[in-house]
């Protein structure tokens, strides 16, 4: 990821993924989720291409057969602004917007009234206070960056 997106700016703890067993058959038990933010900001218009790239990385890693599971890696790219967290998906749903090339985007969290707020379709794990604490840290980092960078 660093080769593609530059150095990591923030890395979350490895959060236990316990809200669902949806991935257990393909990914095994005792799953962990980690979030990365990068020093280099991405253009939100590139989200579909980034999702296609991360899907390719998942597939390539799976062909190495280093794990017994059929899908040993799940990468879900997105972007964060001061107002929202947007995630990419290959699955259509009523609340997702089509970006092109089989990729959709959803606003997973909104920052309102000085806190992250989930929507009707927000996945249960993204409702967690420990995730929100990391996203506050990421939002604060982004806002500091925006204040430091001159506007064009």
Protein backbone atom coordinates (compact mmCIF):
# COMPACT_ATOMS: atom_id res chain seq x y z
CA UNK A 1 0.00 0.00 0.00
CA UNK A 2 2.87 2.37 0.75
CA UNK A 3 4.21 1.93 -2.77
CA UNK A 4 0.85 2.97 -4.21
CA UNK A 5 -0.26 5.59 -1.68
CA UNK A 6 2.91 6.75 0.06
CA UNK A 7 3.86 6.54 3.72
CA UNK A 8 1.22 5.76 6.31
CA UNK A 9 0.19 8.72 8.42
CA UNK A 10 -1.91 6.83 10.99
CA UNK A 11 -2.43 3.14 11.67
CA UNK A 12 -5.19 1.92 13.94
CA UNK A 13 -4.92 -0.89 16.46
CA UNK A 14 -5.97 -4.33 15.20
CA UNK A 15 -9.65 -4.20 16.18
CA UNK A 16 -11.39 -7.54 16.83
CA UNK A 17 -14.02 -8.12 14.14
CA UNK A 18 -16.81 -9.72 16.16
CA UNK A 19 -20.06 -8.18 14.93
CA UNK A 20 -20.77 -10.85 12.32
CA UNK A 21 -19.60 -14.27 11.20
CA UNK A 22 -20.28 -13.35 7.53
CA UNK A 23 -16.61 -13.75 6.54
CA UNK A 24 -15.79 -16.76 8.70
CA UNK A 25 -16.29 -19.38 5.95
CA UNK A 26 -13.93 -17.64 3.52
CA UNK A 27 -11.55 -15.88 5.92
CA UNK A 28 -11.49 -18.00 9.08
CA UNK A 29 -12.16 -17.12 12.70
CA UNK A 30 -10.63 -14.50 15.03
CA UNK A 31 -10.60 -11.79 12.38
CA UNK A 32 -9.01 -8.39 12.99
CA UNK A 33 -9.53 -5.11 11.19
CA UNK A 34 -6.97 -2.35 10.87
CA UNK A 35 -7.33 1.10 9.31
CA UNK A 36 -4.59 3.00 7.52
CA UNK A 37 -4.46 6.62 6.54
CA UNK A 38 -1.77 7.95 4.26
CA UNK A 39 0.23 11.16 4.15
CA UNK A 40 -0.60 11.69 0.49
CA UNK A 41 -4.24 12.58 0.05
CA UNK A 42 -6.20 10.92 -2.75
CA UNK A 43 -8.66 12.45 -5.14
CA UNK A 44 -12.13 11.05 -4.30
CA UNK A 45 -12.69 10.69 -8.06
CA UNK A 46 -10.06 7.91 -7.98
CA UNK A 47 -12.01 5.72 -5.53
CA UNK A 48 -13.30 3.26 -8.16
CA UNK A 49 -9.80 2.73 -9.59
CA UNK A 50 -8.37 2.29 -6.09
CA UNK A 51 -11.01 -0.34 -5.28
CA UNK A 52 -10.16 -2.20 -8.49
CA UNK A 53 -6.48 -2.11 -7.48
CA UNK A 54 -7.14 -3.41 -3.97
CA UNK A 55 -9.32 -6.20 -5.43
CA UNK A 56 -6.38 -7.17 -7.64
CA UNK A 57 -4.05 -7.19 -4.63
CA UNK A 58 -6.47 -9.43 -2.72
CA UNK A 59 -6.64 -11.88 -5.64
CA UNK A 60 -2.87 -11.92 -6.12
CA UNK A 61 -2.27 -12.53 -2.42
CA UNK A 62 -4.79 -15.36 -2.43
CA UNK A 63 -2.89 -17.14 -5.23
CA UNK A 64 0.21 -17.33 -3.03
CA UNK A 65 -1.57 -20.01 -0.94
CA UNK A 66 0.08 -18.89 2.30
CA UNK A 67 -3.17 -19.44 4.22
CA UNK A 68 -5.74 -22.20 4.36
CA UNK A 69 -8.60 -19.73 3.88
CA UNK A 70 -9.93 -19.04 0.40
CA UNK A 71 -9.85 -15.27 1.02
CA UNK A 72 -7.04 -14.45 3.43
CA UNK A 73 -7.19 -10.69 2.83
CA UNK A 74 -9.98 -8.12 2.54
CA UNK A 75 -9.07 -4.56 1.58
CA UNK A 76 -11.83 -1.96 1.68
CA UNK A 77 -10.59 1.42 0.47
CA UNK A 78 -12.36 4.65 1.13
CA UNK A 79 -11.73 8.25 1.92
CA UNK A 80 -12.38 10.51 4.84
CA UNK A 81 -13.27 14.20 4.79
CA UNK A 82 -14.11 16.49 7.66
CA UNK A 83 -17.78 15.66 6.99
CA UNK A 84 -17.88 11.97 6.10
CA UNK A 85 -16.29 8.55 5.70
CA UNK A 86 -16.93 7.01 2.28
CA UNK A 87 -16.22 3.35 1.49
CA UNK A 88 -16.07 1.56 -1.85
CA UNK A 89 -17.87 -1.71 -2.59
CA UNK A 90 -18.52 -4.10 -5.45
CA UNK A 91 -22.03 -4.72 -4.15
CA UNK A 92 -24.99 -2.57 -5.16
CA UNK A 93 -27.56 -1.55 -2.58
CA UNK A 94 -30.27 1.13 -2.32
CA UNK A 95 -27.97 3.57 -0.52
CA UNK A 96 -24.92 3.14 -2.76
CA UNK A 97 -23.97 5.29 -5.73
CA UNK A 98 -22.49 3.71 -8.85
CA UNK A 99 -19.03 5.05 -9.68
CA UNK A 100 -18.32 2.90 -12.73
CA UNK A 101 -16.56 -0.35 -13.62
CA UNK A 102 -18.65 -2.33 -11.13
CA UNK A 103 -17.76 -0.15 -8.13
CA UNK A 104 -20.15 1.65 -5.78
CA UNK A 105 -19.61 4.18 -2.99
CA UNK A 106 -21.47 4.71 0.24
CA UNK A 107 -21.34 7.33 2.96
CA UNK A 108 -20.68 5.02 5.90
CA UNK A 109 -20.38 7.67 8.62
CA UNK A 110 -21.23 11.35 8.85
CA UNK A 111 -19.52 13.82 11.16
CA UNK A 112 -22.29 15.91 12.71
CA UNK A 113 -22.69 17.66 16.05
CA UNK A 114 -19.02 17.00 16.88
CA UNK A 115 -19.21 13.22 16.55
CA UNK A 116 -19.35 10.43 14.01
CA UNK A 117 -22.87 9.24 13.29
CA UNK A 118 -23.98 6.07 11.57
CA UNK A 119 -26.69 5.88 8.96
CA UNK A 120 -29.47 3.38 8.50
CA UNK A 121 -27.27 1.02 6.47
CA UNK A 122 -23.99 1.46 8.35
CA UNK A 123 -22.35 -1.88 9.16
CA UNK A 124 -22.46 -2.74 12.90
CA UNK A 125 -18.70 -2.59 13.38
CA UNK A 126 -18.58 0.98 12.01
CA UNK A 127 -20.93 2.00 14.83
CA UNK A 128 -18.28 1.16 17.44
CA UNK A 129 -16.83 3.83 19.71
CA UNK A 130 -13.26 2.56 19.24
CA UNK A 131 -13.55 2.92 15.45
CA UNK A 132 -15.02 6.39 15.92
CA UNK A 133 -12.12 7.36 18.18
CA UNK A 134 -9.67 6.41 15.42
CA UNK A 135 -11.69 8.29 12.81
CA UNK A 136 -11.68 11.39 15.06
CA UNK A 137 -7.89 11.12 15.15
CA UNK A 138 -7.81 10.75 11.35
CA UNK A 139 -10.18 13.70 10.90
CA UNK A 140 -8.03 15.85 13.20
CA UNK A 141 -4.94 14.87 11.20
CA UNK A 142 -6.70 15.80 7.96
CA UNK A 143 -7.84 19.17 9.29
CA UNK A 144 -4.29 19.98 10.50
CA UNK A 145 -3.00 19.08 7.02
CA UNK A 146 -5.60 21.28 5.35
CA UNK A 147 -4.59 24.26 7.53
CA UNK A 148 -0.90 23.77 6.66
CA UNK A 149 -1.24 23.38 2.90
CA UNK A 150 -1.64 26.50 0.81
CA UNK A 151 -4.69 26.62 -1.43
CA UNK A 152 -4.29 27.03 -5.19
